[in-house]
Amino acid sequence: MFRYLSALISQSFLDIGSVSRILDGIMKLCLQFCWSIEKQENNPNASELEHIAEEFNKKSNSLYTILRSSRLAGSQRAPFLRRFLLRLNFNSFFEVTARGVLNVVRPSPTIPVLSHQ
């Protein structure tokens, strides 16, 4: 069991402090987003949601940048890295977002207004 968990942590790059901290921050933002929506079902606070979206984009860009670094790509874990990036970027979100950051032209994310009928 211990070897399985060690391999899982290593292949998920959670043993790299910066990756672990960023993923933890992203998960906290997801919880914050859910709590914000639940708390204000009828009238969501748009500025709070926009702040969460901004922080999510910053953290996800940082994560993708770290994982795409040449230091990791050239390591013994490169096969695991390719698989991890493929799973993480399955819908091209990270790649498109990172490309927008690199081009310094990225539209602000729009947050849909929820209405109950």
PDB file of N, CA and C in Angstrom:
ATOM      1  N   MET A   1       0.823  -1.191   0.000  1.00  0.00           N
ATOM      2  CA  MET A   1       0.000   0.000   0.000  1.00  0.00           C
ATOM      3  C   MET A   1       0.871   1.260   0.000  1.00  0.00           C
ATOM      4  N   PHE A   2       1.940   1.245   0.824  1.00  0.00           N
ATOM      5  CA  PHE A   2       2.815   2.409   0.914  1.00  0.00           C
ATOM      6  C   PHE A   2       3.494   2.683  -0.426  1.00  0.00           C
ATOM      7  N   ARG A   3       3.959   1.619  -1.103  1.00  0.00           N
ATOM      8  CA  ARG A   3       4.619   1.807  -2.404  1.00  0.00           C
ATOM      9  C   ARG A   3       3.643   2.373  -3.424  1.00  0.00           C
ATOM     10  N   TYR A   4       2.403   1.904  -3.373  1.00  0.00           N
ATOM     11  CA  TYR A   4       1.379   2.404  -4.296  1.00  0.00           C
ATOM     12  C   TYR A   4       1.166   3.902  -4.083  1.00  0.00           C
ATOM     13  N   LEU A   5       1.002   4.317  -2.836  1.00  0.00           N
ATOM     14  CA  LEU A   5       0.790   5.736  -2.533  1.00  0.00           C
ATOM     15  C   LEU A   5       2.011   6.572  -2.899  1.00  0.00           C
ATOM     16  N   SER A   6       3.194   6.054  -2.638  1.00  0.00           N
ATOM     17  CA  SER A   6       4.421   6.772  -3.004  1.00  0.00           C
ATOM     18  C   SER A   6       4.506   6.967  -4.510  1.00  0.00           C
ATOM     19  N   ALA A   7       4.189   5.921  -5.260  1.00  0.00           N
ATOM     20  CA  ALA A   7       4.213   6.016  -6.724  1.00  0.00           C
ATOM     21  C   ALA A   7       3.159   7.001  -7.206  1.00  0.00           C
ATOM     22  N   LEU A   8       1.991   6.966  -6.597  1.00  0.00           N
ATOM     23  CA  LEU A   8       0.911   7.877  -6.972  1.00  0.00           C
ATOM     24  C   LEU A   8       1.309   9.331  -6.716  1.00  0.00           C
ATOM     25  N   ILE A   9       1.890   9.594  -5.581  1.00  0.00           N
ATOM     26  CA  ILE A   9       2.342  10.951  -5.246  1.00  0.00           C
ATOM     27  C   ILE A   9       3.422  11.402  -6.216  1.00  0.00           C
ATOM     28  N   SER A  10       4.366  10.529  -6.496  1.00  0.00           N
ATOM     29  CA  SER A  10       5.457  10.867  -7.408  1.00  0.00           C
ATOM     30  C   SER A  10       4.951  11.103  -8.829  1.00  0.00           C
ATOM     31  N   GLN A  11       4.067  10.234  -9.307  1.00  0.00           N
ATOM     32  CA  GLN A  11       3.563  10.345 -10.675  1.00  0.00           C
ATOM     33  C   GLN A  11       2.564  11.483 -10.837  1.00  0.00           C
ATOM     34  N   SER A  12       2.057  12.001  -9.720  1.00  0.00           N
ATOM     35  CA  SER A  12       1.173  13.171  -9.754  1.00  0.00           C
ATOM     36  C   SER A  12       1.953  14.448  -9.474  1.00  0.00           C
ATOM     37  N   PHE A  13       3.258  14.301  -9.221  1.00  0.00           N
ATOM     38  CA  PHE A  13       4.162  15.424  -8.975  1.00  0.00           C
ATOM     39  C   PHE A  13       3.814  16.184  -7.697  1.00  0.00           C
ATOM     40  N   LEU A  14       3.128  15.499  -6.782  1.00  0.00           N
ATOM     41  CA  LEU A  14       2.786  16.116  -5.501  1.00  0.00           C
ATOM     42  C   LEU A  14       3.982  16.187  -4.566  1.00  0.00           C
ATOM     43  N   ASP A  15       5.067  15.518  -4.934  1.00  0.00           N
ATOM     44  CA  ASP A  15       6.282  15.595  -4.128  1.00  0.00           C
ATOM     45  C   ASP A  15       7.102  16.844  -4.454  1.00  0.00           C
ATOM     46  N   ILE A  16       6.641  17.626  -5.423  1.00  0.00           N
ATOM     47  CA  ILE A  16       7.261  18.912  -5.745  1.00  0.00           C
ATOM     48  C   ILE A  16       6.446  19.965  -5.000  1.00  0.00           C
ATOM     49  N   GLY A  17       7.096  20.646  -4.065  1.00  0.00           N
ATOM     50  CA  GLY A  17       6.394  21.576  -3.181  1.00  0.00           C
ATOM     51  C   GLY A  17       5.535  22.591  -3.900  1.00  0.00           C
ATOM     52  N   SER A  18       6.072  23.211  -4.952  1.00  0.00           N
ATOM     53  CA  SER A  18       5.310  24.250  -5.656  1.00  0.00           C
ATOM     54  C   SER A  18       4.065  23.669  -6.322  1.00  0.00           C
ATOM     55  N   VAL A  19       4.183  22.477  -6.889  1.00  0.00           N
ATOM     56  CA  VAL A  19       3.026  21.836  -7.532  1.00  0.00           C
ATOM     57  C   VAL A  19       1.975  21.501  -6.483  1.00  0.00           C
ATOM     58  N   SER A  20       2.411  20.935  -5.383  1.00  0.00           N
ATOM     59  CA  SER A  20       1.492  20.569  -4.310  1.00  0.00           C
ATOM     60  C   SER A  20       0.754  21.791  -3.763  1.00  0.00           C
ATOM     61  N   ARG A  21       1.495  22.882  -3.538  1.00  0.00           N
ATOM     62  CA  ARG A  21       0.870  24.107  -3.008  1.00  0.00           C
ATOM     63  C   ARG A  21      -0.131  24.694  -4.000  1.00  0.00           C
ATOM     64  N   ILE A  22       0.220  24.700  -5.271  1.00  0.00           N
ATOM     65  CA  ILE A  22      -0.691  25.262  -6.275  1.00  0.00           C
ATOM     66  C   ILE A  22      -1.951  24.416  -6.380  1.00  0.00           C
ATOM     67  N   LEU A  23      -1.798  23.098  -6.423  1.00  0.00           N
ATOM     68  CA  LEU A  23      -2.981  22.228  -6.491  1.00  0.00           C
ATOM     69  C   LEU A  23      -3.858  22.405  -5.256  1.00  0.00           C
ATOM     70  N   ASP A  24      -3.243  22.543  -4.097  1.00  0.00           N
ATOM     71  CA  ASP A  24      -3.998  22.792  -2.871  1.00  0.00           C
ATOM     72  C   ASP A  24      -4.768  24.108  -2.986  1.00  0.00           C
ATOM     73  N   GLY A  25      -4.112  25.140  -3.503  1.00  0.00           N
ATOM     74  CA  GLY A  25      -4.768  26.437  -3.693  1.00  0.00           C
ATOM     75  C   GLY A  25      -5.921  26.362  -4.676  1.00  0.00           C
ATOM     76  N   ILE A  26      -5.737  25.601  -5.752  1.00  0.00           N
ATOM     77  CA  ILE A  26      -6.802  25.446  -6.745  1.00  0.00           C
ATOM     78  C   ILE A  26      -8.003  24.738  -6.124  1.00  0.00           C
ATOM     79  N   MET A  27      -7.751  23.700  -5.341  1.00  0.00           N
ATOM     80  CA  MET A  27      -8.854  22.984  -4.694  1.00  0.00           C
ATOM     81  C   MET A  27      -9.591  23.894  -3.706  1.00  0.00           C
ATOM     82  N   LYS A  28      -8.850  24.729  -2.992  1.00  0.00           N
ATOM     83  CA  LYS A  28      -9.483  25.673  -2.062  1.00  0.00           C
ATOM     84  C   LYS A  28     -10.333  26.694  -2.815  1.00  0.00           C
ATOM     85  N   LEU A  29      -9.855  27.132  -3.974  1.00  0.00           N
ATOM     86  CA  LEU A  29     -10.642  28.067  -4.789  1.00  0.00           C
ATOM     87  C   LEU A  29     -11.931  27.413  -5.282  1.00  0.00           C
ATOM     88  N   CYS A  30     -11.850  26.140  -5.634  1.00  0.00           N
ATOM     89  CA  CYS A  30     -13.054  25.420  -6.069  1.00  0.00           C
ATOM     90  C   CYS A  30     -14.079  25.359  -4.941  1.00  0.00           C
ATOM     91  N   LEU A  31     -13.602  25.069  -3.734  1.00  0.00           N
ATOM     92  CA  LEU A  31     -14.505  25.060  -2.573  1.00  0.00           C
ATOM     93  C   LEU A  31     -15.083  26.445  -2.313  1.00  0.00           C
ATOM     94  N   GLN A  32     -14.234  27.454  -2.406  1.00  0.00           N
ATOM     95  CA  GLN A  32     -14.682  28.835  -2.200  1.00  0.00           C
ATOM     96  C   GLN A  32     -15.756  29.201  -3.227  1.00  0.00           C
ATOM     97  N   PHE A  33     -15.560  28.781  -4.462  1.00  0.00           N
ATOM     98  CA  PHE A  33     -16.534  29.039  -5.522  1.00  0.00           C
ATOM     99  C   PHE A  33     -17.869  28.370  -5.193  1.00  0.00           C
ATOM    100  N   CYS A  34     -17.814  27.101  -4.806  1.00  0.00           N
ATOM    101  CA  CYS A  34     -19.045  26.371  -4.460  1.00  0.00           C
ATOM    102  C   CYS A  34     -19.759  27.016  -3.282  1.00  0.00           C
ATOM    103  N   TRP A  35     -19.001  27.374  -2.249  1.00  0.00           N
ATOM    104  CA  TRP A  35     -19.607  28.016  -1.077  1.00  0.00           C
ATOM    105  C   TRP A  35     -20.235  29.351  -1.457  1.00  0.00           C
ATOM    106  N   SER A  36     -19.573  30.078  -2.313  1.00  0.00           N
ATOM    107  CA  SER A  36     -20.086  31.379  -2.739  1.00  0.00           C
ATOM    108  C   SER A  36     -21.404  31.217  -3.493  1.00  0.00           C
ATOM    109  N   ILE A  37     -21.470  30.230  -4.341  1.00  0.00           N
ATOM    110  CA  ILE A  37     -22.701  29.973  -5.105  1.00  0.00           C
ATOM    111  C   ILE A  37     -23.815  29.516  -4.168  1.00  0.00           C
ATOM    112  N   GLU A  38     -23.501  28.593  -3.265  1.00  0.00           N
ATOM    113  CA  GLU A  38     -24.511  28.101  -2.326  1.00  0.00           C
ATOM    114  C   GLU A  38     -25.014  29.211  -1.411  1.00  0.00           C
ATOM    115  N   LYS A  39     -24.101  30.034  -0.949  1.00  0.00           N
ATOM    116  CA  LYS A  39     -24.422  31.097   0.006  1.00  0.00           C
ATOM    117  C   LYS A  39     -25.347  32.139  -0.619  1.00  0.00           C
ATOM    118  N   GLN A  40     -25.156  32.404  -1.881  1.00  0.00           N
ATOM    119  CA  GLN A  40     -25.909  33.475  -2.535  1.00  0.00           C
ATOM    120  C   GLN A  40     -26.619  32.942  -3.773  1.00  0.00           C
ATOM    121  N   GLU A  41     -27.427  31.915  -3.563  1.00  0.00           N
ATOM    122  CA  GLU A  41     -28.106  31.252  -4.678  1.00  0.00           C
ATOM    123  C   GLU A  41     -28.852  32.219  -5.587  1.00  0.00           C
ATOM    124  N   ASN A  42     -29.627  33.108  -5.011  1.00  0.00           N
ATOM    125  CA  ASN A  42     -30.472  33.986  -5.819  1.00  0.00           C
ATOM    126  C   ASN A  42     -29.742  35.211  -6.351  1.00  0.00           C
ATOM    127  N   ASN A  43     -28.675  35.604  -5.686  1.00  0.00           N
ATOM    128  CA  ASN A  43     -27.978  36.819  -6.083  1.00  0.00           C
ATOM    129  C   ASN A  43     -26.471  36.654  -5.871  1.00  0.00           C
ATOM    130  N   PRO A  44     -25.791  35.922  -6.776  1.00  0.00           N
ATOM    131  CA  PRO A  44     -24.358  35.701  -6.582  1.00  0.00           C
ATOM    132  C   PRO A  44     -23.562  37.001  -6.653  1.00  0.00           C
ATOM    133  N   ASN A  45     -22.546  37.110  -5.838  1.00  0.00           N
ATOM    134  CA  ASN A  45     -21.673  38.275  -5.794  1.00  0.00           C
ATOM    135  C   ASN A  45     -20.691  38.176  -6.964  1.00  0.00           C
ATOM    136  N   ALA A  46     -20.948  38.940  -8.015  1.00  0.00           N
ATOM    137  CA  ALA A  46     -20.153  38.852  -9.243  1.00  0.00           C
ATOM    138  C   ALA A  46     -18.690  39.205  -9.006  1.00  0.00           C
ATOM    139  N   SER A  47     -18.421  40.200  -8.178  1.00  0.00           N
ATOM    140  CA  SER A  47     -17.023  40.594  -7.952  1.00  0.00           C
ATOM    141  C   SER A  47     -16.260  39.494  -7.214  1.00  0.00           C
ATOM    142  N   GLU A  48     -16.920  38.824  -6.285  1.00  0.00           N
ATOM    143  CA  GLU A  48     -16.272  37.720  -5.570  1.00  0.00           C
ATOM    144  C   GLU A  48     -15.982  36.568  -6.531  1.00  0.00           C
ATOM    145  N   LEU A  49     -16.944  36.266  -7.394  1.00  0.00           N
ATOM    146  CA  LEU A  49     -16.754  35.189  -8.361  1.00  0.00           C
ATOM    147  C   LEU A  49     -15.664  35.531  -9.370  1.00  0.00           C
ATOM    148  N   GLU A  50     -15.599  36.788  -9.777  1.00  0.00           N
ATOM    149  CA  GLU A  50     -14.546  37.209 -10.704  1.00  0.00           C
ATOM    150  C   GLU A  50     -13.174  37.101 -10.051  1.00  0.00           C
ATOM    151  N   HIS A  51     -13.098  37.460  -8.774  1.00  0.00           N
ATOM    152  CA  HIS A  51     -11.833  37.336  -8.040  1.00  0.00           C
ATOM    153  C   HIS A  51     -11.400  35.867  -7.980  1.00  0.00           C
ATOM    154  N   ILE A  52     -12.337  34.981  -7.692  1.00  0.00           N
ATOM    155  CA  ILE A  52     -12.039  33.553  -7.644  1.00  0.00           C
ATOM    156  C   ILE A  52     -11.564  33.077  -9.016  1.00  0.00           C
ATOM    157  N   ALA A  53     -12.239  33.517 -10.073  1.00  0.00           N
ATOM    158  CA  ALA A  53     -11.848  33.124 -11.435  1.00  0.00           C
ATOM    159  C   ALA A  53     -10.448  33.630 -11.775  1.00  0.00           C
ATOM    160  N   GLU A  54     -10.137  34.860 -11.384  1.00  0.00           N
ATOM    161  CA  GLU A  54      -8.794  35.420 -11.623  1.00  0.00           C
ATOM    162  C   GLU A  54      -7.724  34.611 -10.911  1.00  0.00           C
ATOM    163  N   GLU A  55      -7.973  34.312  -9.650  1.00  0.00           N
ATOM    164  CA  GLU A  55      -7.005  33.531  -8.869  1.00  0.00           C
ATOM    165  C   GLU A  55      -6.841  32.132  -9.448  1.00  0.00           C
ATOM    166  N   PHE A  56      -7.961  31.542  -9.880  1.00  0.00           N
ATOM    167  CA  PHE A  56      -7.903  30.216 -10.499  1.00  0.00           C
ATOM    168  C   PHE A  56      -7.034  30.258 -11.753  1.00  0.00           C
ATOM    169  N   ASN A  57      -7.232  31.269 -12.582  1.00  0.00           N
ATOM    170  CA  ASN A  57      -6.434  31.384 -13.806  1.00  0.00           C
ATOM    171  C   ASN A  57      -4.954  31.574 -13.495  1.00  0.00           C
ATOM    172  N   LYS A  58      -4.646  32.394 -12.504  1.00  0.00           N
ATOM    173  CA  LYS A  58      -3.239  32.602 -12.121  1.00  0.00           C
ATOM    174  C   LYS A  58      -2.601  31.299 -11.657  1.00  0.00           C
ATOM    175  N   LYS A  59      -3.303  30.612 -10.761  1.00  0.00           N
ATOM    176  CA  LYS A  59      -2.749  29.375 -10.207  1.00  0.00           C
ATOM    177  C   LYS A  59      -2.644  28.290 -11.271  1.00  0.00           C
ATOM    178  N   SER A  60      -3.651  28.166 -12.117  1.00  0.00           N
ATOM    179  CA  SER A  60      -3.595  27.128 -13.142  1.00  0.00           C
ATOM    180  C   SER A  60      -2.508  27.428 -14.170  1.00  0.00           C
ATOM    181  N   ASN A  61      -2.298  28.711 -14.483  1.00  0.00           N
ATOM    182  CA  ASN A  61      -1.198  29.073 -15.387  1.00  0.00           C
ATOM    183  C   ASN A  61       0.148  28.739 -14.760  1.00  0.00           C
ATOM    184  N   SER A  62       0.296  29.025 -13.482  1.00  0.00           N
ATOM    185  CA  SER A  62       1.544  28.702 -12.782  1.00  0.00           C
ATOM    186  C   SER A  62       1.791  27.199 -12.782  1.00  0.00           C
ATOM    187  N   LEU A  63       0.747  26.442 -12.494  1.00  0.00           N
ATOM    188  CA  LEU A  63       0.866  24.983 -12.479  1.00  0.00           C
ATOM    189  C   LEU A  63       1.298  24.465 -13.844  1.00  0.00           C
ATOM    190  N   TYR A  64       0.627  24.915 -14.878  1.00  0.00           N
ATOM    191  CA  TYR A  64       0.940  24.445 -16.231  1.00  0.00           C
ATOM    192  C   TYR A  64       2.362  24.848 -16.624  1.00  0.00           C
ATOM    193  N   THR A  65       2.775  26.042 -16.250  1.00  0.00           N
ATOM    194  CA  THR A  65       4.132  26.508 -16.560  1.00  0.00           C
ATOM    195  C   THR A  65       5.178  25.636 -15.871  1.00  0.00           C
ATOM    196  N   ILE A  66       4.955  25.331 -14.607  1.00  0.00           N
ATOM    197  CA  ILE A  66       5.896  24.477 -13.872  1.00  0.00           C
ATOM    198  C   ILE A  66       5.966  23.091 -14.507  1.00  0.00           C
ATOM    199  N   LEU A  67       4.799  22.541 -14.816  1.00  0.00           N
ATOM    200  CA  LEU A  67       4.776  21.189 -15.375  1.00  0.00           C
ATOM    201  C   LEU A  67       5.355  21.123 -16.787  1.00  0.00           C
ATOM    202  N   ARG A  68       5.334  22.224 -17.500  1.00  0.00           N
ATOM    203  CA  ARG A  68       5.887  22.256 -18.859  1.00  0.00           C
ATOM    204  C   ARG A  68       7.372  22.639 -18.867  1.00  0.00           C
ATOM    205  N   SER A  69       7.965  22.832 -17.709  1.00  0.00           N
ATOM    206  CA  SER A  69       9.363  23.271 -17.643  1.00  0.00           C
ATOM    207  C   SER A  69      10.295  22.207 -18.217  1.00  0.00           C
ATOM    208  N   SER A  70      11.384  22.663 -18.790  1.00  0.00           N
ATOM    209  CA  SER A  70      12.346  21.742 -19.399  1.00  0.00           C
ATOM    210  C   SER A  70      13.016  20.864 -18.341  1.00  0.00           C
ATOM    211  N   ARG A  71      13.118  21.374 -17.120  1.00  0.00           N
ATOM    212  CA  ARG A  71      13.720  20.589 -16.034  1.00  0.00           C
ATOM    213  C   ARG A  71      12.919  19.312 -15.784  1.00  0.00           C
ATOM    214  N   LEU A  72      11.608  19.430 -15.761  1.00  0.00           N
ATOM    215  CA  LEU A  72      10.774  18.244 -15.556  1.00  0.00           C
ATOM    216  C   LEU A  72      10.709  17.387 -16.811  1.00  0.00           C
ATOM    217  N   ALA A  73      10.623  18.033 -17.967  1.00  0.00           N
ATOM    218  CA  ALA A  73      10.514  17.285 -19.224  1.00  0.00           C
ATOM    219  C   ALA A  73      11.747  16.428 -19.468  1.00  0.00           C
ATOM    220  N   GLY A  74      12.895  16.856 -18.957  1.00  0.00           N
ATOM    221  CA  GLY A  74      14.125  16.103 -19.151  1.00  0.00           C
ATOM    222  C   GLY A  74      14.430  15.129 -18.033  1.00  0.00           C
ATOM    223  N   SER A  75      13.540  15.013 -17.079  1.00  0.00           N
ATOM    224  CA  SER A  75      13.796  14.132 -15.934  1.00  0.00           C
ATOM    225  C   SER A  75      13.396  12.693 -16.246  1.00  0.00           C
ATOM    226  N   GLN A  76      13.709  11.816 -15.308  1.00  0.00           N
ATOM    227  CA  GLN A  76      13.348  10.401 -15.457  1.00  0.00           C
ATOM    228  C   GLN A  76      11.835  10.208 -15.445  1.00  0.00           C
ATOM    229  N   ARG A  77      11.134  11.184 -14.935  1.00  0.00           N
ATOM    230  CA  ARG A  77       9.675  11.060 -14.838  1.00  0.00           C
ATOM    231  C   ARG A  77       8.953  11.590 -16.072  1.00  0.00           C
ATOM    232  N   ALA A  78       9.678  11.858 -17.148  1.00  0.00           N
ATOM    233  CA  ALA A  78       9.076  12.428 -18.360  1.00  0.00           C
ATOM    234  C   ALA A  78       7.868  11.632 -18.865  1.00  0.00           C
ATOM    235  N   PRO A  79       7.917  10.301 -18.897  1.00  0.00           N
ATOM    236  CA  PRO A  79       6.726   9.565 -19.364  1.00  0.00           C
ATOM    237  C   PRO A  79       5.500   9.824 -18.483  1.00  0.00           C
ATOM    238  N   PHE A  80       5.731   9.910 -17.174  1.00  0.00           N
ATOM    239  CA  PHE A  80       4.626  10.195 -16.253  1.00  0.00           C
ATOM    240  C   PHE A  80       4.134  11.623 -16.443  1.00  0.00           C
ATOM    241  N   LEU A  81       5.066  12.522 -16.705  1.00  0.00           N
ATOM    242  CA  LEU A  81       4.717  13.923 -16.930  1.00  0.00           C
ATOM    243  C   LEU A  81       3.831  14.063 -18.160  1.00  0.00           C
ATOM    244  N   ARG A  82       4.206  13.400 -19.245  1.00  0.00           N
ATOM    245  CA  ARG A  82       3.387  13.475 -20.471  1.00  0.00           C
ATOM    246  C   ARG A  82       1.972  12.970 -20.205  1.00  0.00           C
ATOM    247  N   ARG A  83       1.876  11.858 -19.495  1.00  0.00           N
ATOM    248  CA  ARG A  83       0.560  11.295 -19.174  1.00  0.00           C
ATOM    249  C   ARG A  83      -0.234  12.230 -18.264  1.00  0.00           C
ATOM    250  N   PHE A  84       0.442  12.782 -17.271  1.00  0.00           N
ATOM    251  CA  PHE A  84      -0.209  13.695 -16.332  1.00  0.00           C
ATOM    252  C   PHE A  84      -0.706  14.947 -17.051  1.00  0.00           C
ATOM    253  N   LEU A  85       0.126  15.516 -17.924  1.00  0.00           N
ATOM    254  CA  LEU A  85      -0.279  16.704 -18.685  1.00  0.00           C
ATOM    255  C   LEU A  85      -1.442  16.390 -19.614  1.00  0.00           C
ATOM    256  N   LEU A  86      -1.424  15.219 -20.213  1.00  0.00           N
ATOM    257  CA  LEU A  86      -2.525  14.818 -21.092  1.00  0.00           C
ATOM    258  C   LEU A  86      -3.836  14.754 -20.309  1.00  0.00           C
ATOM    259  N   ARG A  87      -3.789  14.172 -19.135  1.00  0.00           N
ATOM    260  CA  ARG A  87      -4.997  14.082 -18.301  1.00  0.00           C
ATOM    261  C   ARG A  87      -5.433  15.447 -17.789  1.00  0.00           C
ATOM    262  N   LEU A  88      -4.476  16.239 -17.366  1.00  0.00           N
ATOM    263  CA  LEU A  88      -4.772  17.563 -16.824  1.00  0.00           C
ATOM    264  C   LEU A  88      -5.343  18.490 -17.893  1.00  0.00           C
ATOM    265  N   ASN A  89      -4.843  18.359 -19.100  1.00  0.00           N
ATOM    266  CA  ASN A  89      -5.213  19.255 -20.194  1.00  0.00           C
ATOM    267  C   ASN A  89      -6.145  18.566 -21.196  1.00  0.00           C
ATOM    268  N   PHE A  90      -6.970  17.640 -20.721  1.00  0.00           N
ATOM    269  CA  PHE A  90      -7.801  16.844 -21.620  1.00  0.00           C
ATOM    270  C   PHE A  90      -8.715  17.683 -22.511  1.00  0.00           C
ATOM    271  N   ASN A  91      -9.137  18.839 -22.060  1.00  0.00           N
ATOM    272  CA  ASN A  91     -10.028  19.690 -22.858  1.00  0.00           C
ATOM    273  C   ASN A  91      -9.314  20.935 -23.383  1.00  0.00           C
ATOM    274  N   SER A  92      -7.990  20.935 -23.332  1.00  0.00           N
ATOM    275  CA  SER A  92      -7.122  22.021 -23.832  1.00  0.00           C
ATOM    276  C   SER A  92      -7.256  23.322 -23.048  1.00  0.00           C
ATOM    277  N   PHE A  93      -7.893  23.291 -21.902  1.00  0.00           N
ATOM    278  CA  PHE A  93      -8.076  24.512 -21.108  1.00  0.00           C
ATOM    279  C   PHE A  93      -6.739  25.158 -20.761  1.00  0.00           C
ATOM    280  N   PHE A  94      -5.830  24.366 -20.207  1.00  0.00           N
ATOM    281  CA  PHE A  94      -4.550  24.921 -19.759  1.00  0.00           C
ATOM    282  C   PHE A  94      -3.728  25.440 -20.928  1.00  0.00           C
ATOM    283  N   GLU A  95      -3.708  24.698 -22.004  1.00  0.00           N
ATOM    284  CA  GLU A  95      -2.927  25.113 -23.173  1.00  0.00           C
ATOM    285  C   GLU A  95      -3.448  26.424 -23.747  1.00  0.00           C
ATOM    286  N   VAL A  96      -4.756  26.536 -23.894  1.00  0.00           N
ATOM    287  CA  VAL A  96      -5.360  27.755 -24.444  1.00  0.00           C
ATOM    288  C   VAL A  96      -5.145  28.927 -23.494  1.00  0.00           C
ATOM    289  N   THR A  97      -5.334  28.699 -22.209  1.00  0.00           N
ATOM    290  CA  THR A  97      -5.148  29.764 -21.226  1.00  0.00           C
ATOM    291  C   THR A  97      -3.692  30.218 -21.192  1.00  0.00           C
ATOM    292  N   ALA A  98      -2.770  29.259 -21.202  1.00  0.00           N
ATOM    293  CA  ALA A  98      -1.341  29.607 -21.185  1.00  0.00           C
ATOM    294  C   ALA A  98      -0.959  30.362 -22.454  1.00  0.00           C
ATOM    295  N   ARG A  99      -1.498  29.960 -23.583  1.00  0.00           N
ATOM    296  CA  ARG A  99      -1.211  30.651 -24.839  1.00  0.00           C
ATOM    297  C   ARG A  99      -1.703  32.089 -24.755  1.00  0.00           C
ATOM    298  N   GLY A 100      -2.862  32.300 -24.158  1.00  0.00           N
ATOM    299  CA  GLY A 100      -3.389  33.651 -23.987  1.00  0.00           C
ATOM    300  C   GLY A 100      -2.495  34.495 -23.110  1.00  0.00           C
ATOM    301  N   VAL A 101      -1.942  33.894 -22.063  1.00  0.00           N
ATOM    302  CA  VAL A 101      -1.040  34.615 -21.168  1.00  0.00           C
ATOM    303  C   VAL A 101       0.250  34.954 -21.900  1.00  0.00           C
ATOM    304  N   LEU A 102       0.769  34.007 -22.670  1.00  0.00           N
ATOM    305  CA  LEU A 102       2.011  34.256 -23.403  1.00  0.00           C
ATOM    306  C   LEU A 102       1.837  35.348 -24.443  1.00  0.00           C
ATOM    307  N   ASN A 103       0.661  35.410 -25.050  1.00  0.00           N
ATOM    308  CA  ASN A 103       0.389  36.449 -26.047  1.00  0.00           C
ATOM    309  C   ASN A 103      -0.051  37.750 -25.388  1.00  0.00           C
ATOM    310  N   VAL A 104      -0.238  37.734 -24.088  1.00  0.00           N
ATOM    311  CA  VAL A 104      -0.675  38.874 -23.289  1.00  0.00           C
ATOM    312  C   VAL A 104      -1.998  39.434 -23.794  1.00  0.00           C
ATOM    313  N   VAL A 105      -2.766  38.610 -24.436  1.00  0.00           N
ATOM    314  CA  VAL A 105      -4.095  39.022 -24.872  1.00  0.00           C
ATOM    315  C   VAL A 105      -5.037  37.918 -24.427  1.00  0.00           C
ATOM    316  N   ARG A 106      -5.639  38.148 -23.281  1.00  0.00           N
ATOM    317  CA  ARG A 106      -6.574  37.154 -22.779  1.00  0.00           C
ATOM    318  C   ARG A 106      -7.808  37.867 -22.291  1.00  0.00           C
ATOM    319  N   PRO A 107      -8.944  37.565 -22.878  1.00  0.00           N
ATOM    320  CA  PRO A 107     -10.160  38.210 -22.401  1.00  0.00           C
ATOM    321  C   PRO A 107     -10.487  37.748 -20.987  1.00  0.00           C
ATOM    322  N   SER A 108     -11.087  38.626 -20.239  1.00  0.00           N
ATOM    323  CA  SER A 108     -11.515  38.264 -18.889  1.00  0.00           C
ATOM    324  C   SER A 108     -12.575  37.188 -18.979  1.00  0.00           C
ATOM    325  N   PRO A 109     -12.525  36.236 -18.069  1.00  0.00           N
ATOM    326  CA  PRO A 109     -13.551  35.203 -18.088  1.00  0.00           C
ATOM    327  C   PRO A 109     -14.897  35.814 -17.736  1.00  0.00           C
ATOM    328  N   THR A 110     -15.902  35.374 -18.421  1.00  0.00           N
ATOM    329  CA  THR A 110     -17.239  35.867 -18.109  1.00  0.00           C
ATOM    330  C   THR A 110     -17.905  34.871 -17.185  1.00  0.00           C
ATOM    331  N   ILE A 111     -18.592  35.384 -16.230  1.00  0.00           N
ATOM    332  CA  ILE A 111     -19.279  34.540 -15.268  1.00  0.00           C
ATOM    333  C   ILE A 111     -20.766  34.661 -15.534  1.00  0.00           C
ATOM    334  N   PRO A 112     -21.387  33.531 -15.856  1.00  0.00           N
ATOM    335  CA  PRO A 112     -22.816  33.586 -16.143  1.00  0.00           C
ATOM    336  C   PRO A 112     -23.615  33.929 -14.894  1.00  0.00           C
ATOM    337  N   VAL A 113     -24.635  34.696 -15.081  1.00  0.00           N
ATOM    338  CA  VAL A 113     -25.525  35.049 -13.979  1.00  0.00           C
ATOM    339  C   VAL A 113     -26.592  33.975 -13.902  1.00  0.00           C
ATOM    340  N   LEU A 114     -26.717  33.389 -12.732  1.00  0.00           N
ATOM    341  CA  LEU A 114     -27.688  32.322 -12.533  1.00  0.00           C
ATOM    342  C   LEU A 114     -29.027  32.923 -12.150  1.00  0.00           C
ATOM    343  N   SER A 115     -30.063  32.413 -12.732  1.00  0.00           N
ATOM    344  CA  SER A 115     -31.393  32.891 -12.350  1.00  0.00           C
ATOM    345  C   SER A 115     -32.284  31.694 -12.078  1.00  0.00           C
ATOM    346  N   HIS A 116     -33.050  31.793 -11.038  1.00  0.00           N
ATOM    347  CA  HIS A 116     -33.994  30.733 -10.678  1.00  0.00           C
ATOM    348  C   HIS A 116     -35.372  31.129 -11.167  1.00  0.00           C
ATOM    349  N   GLN A 117     -36.011  30.200 -11.813  1.00  0.00           N
ATOM    350  CA  GLN A 117     -37.357  30.489 -12.326  1.00  0.00           C
ATOM    351  C   GLN A 117     -38.351  29.515 -11.789  1.00  0.00           C
TER     352      GLN A 117
END
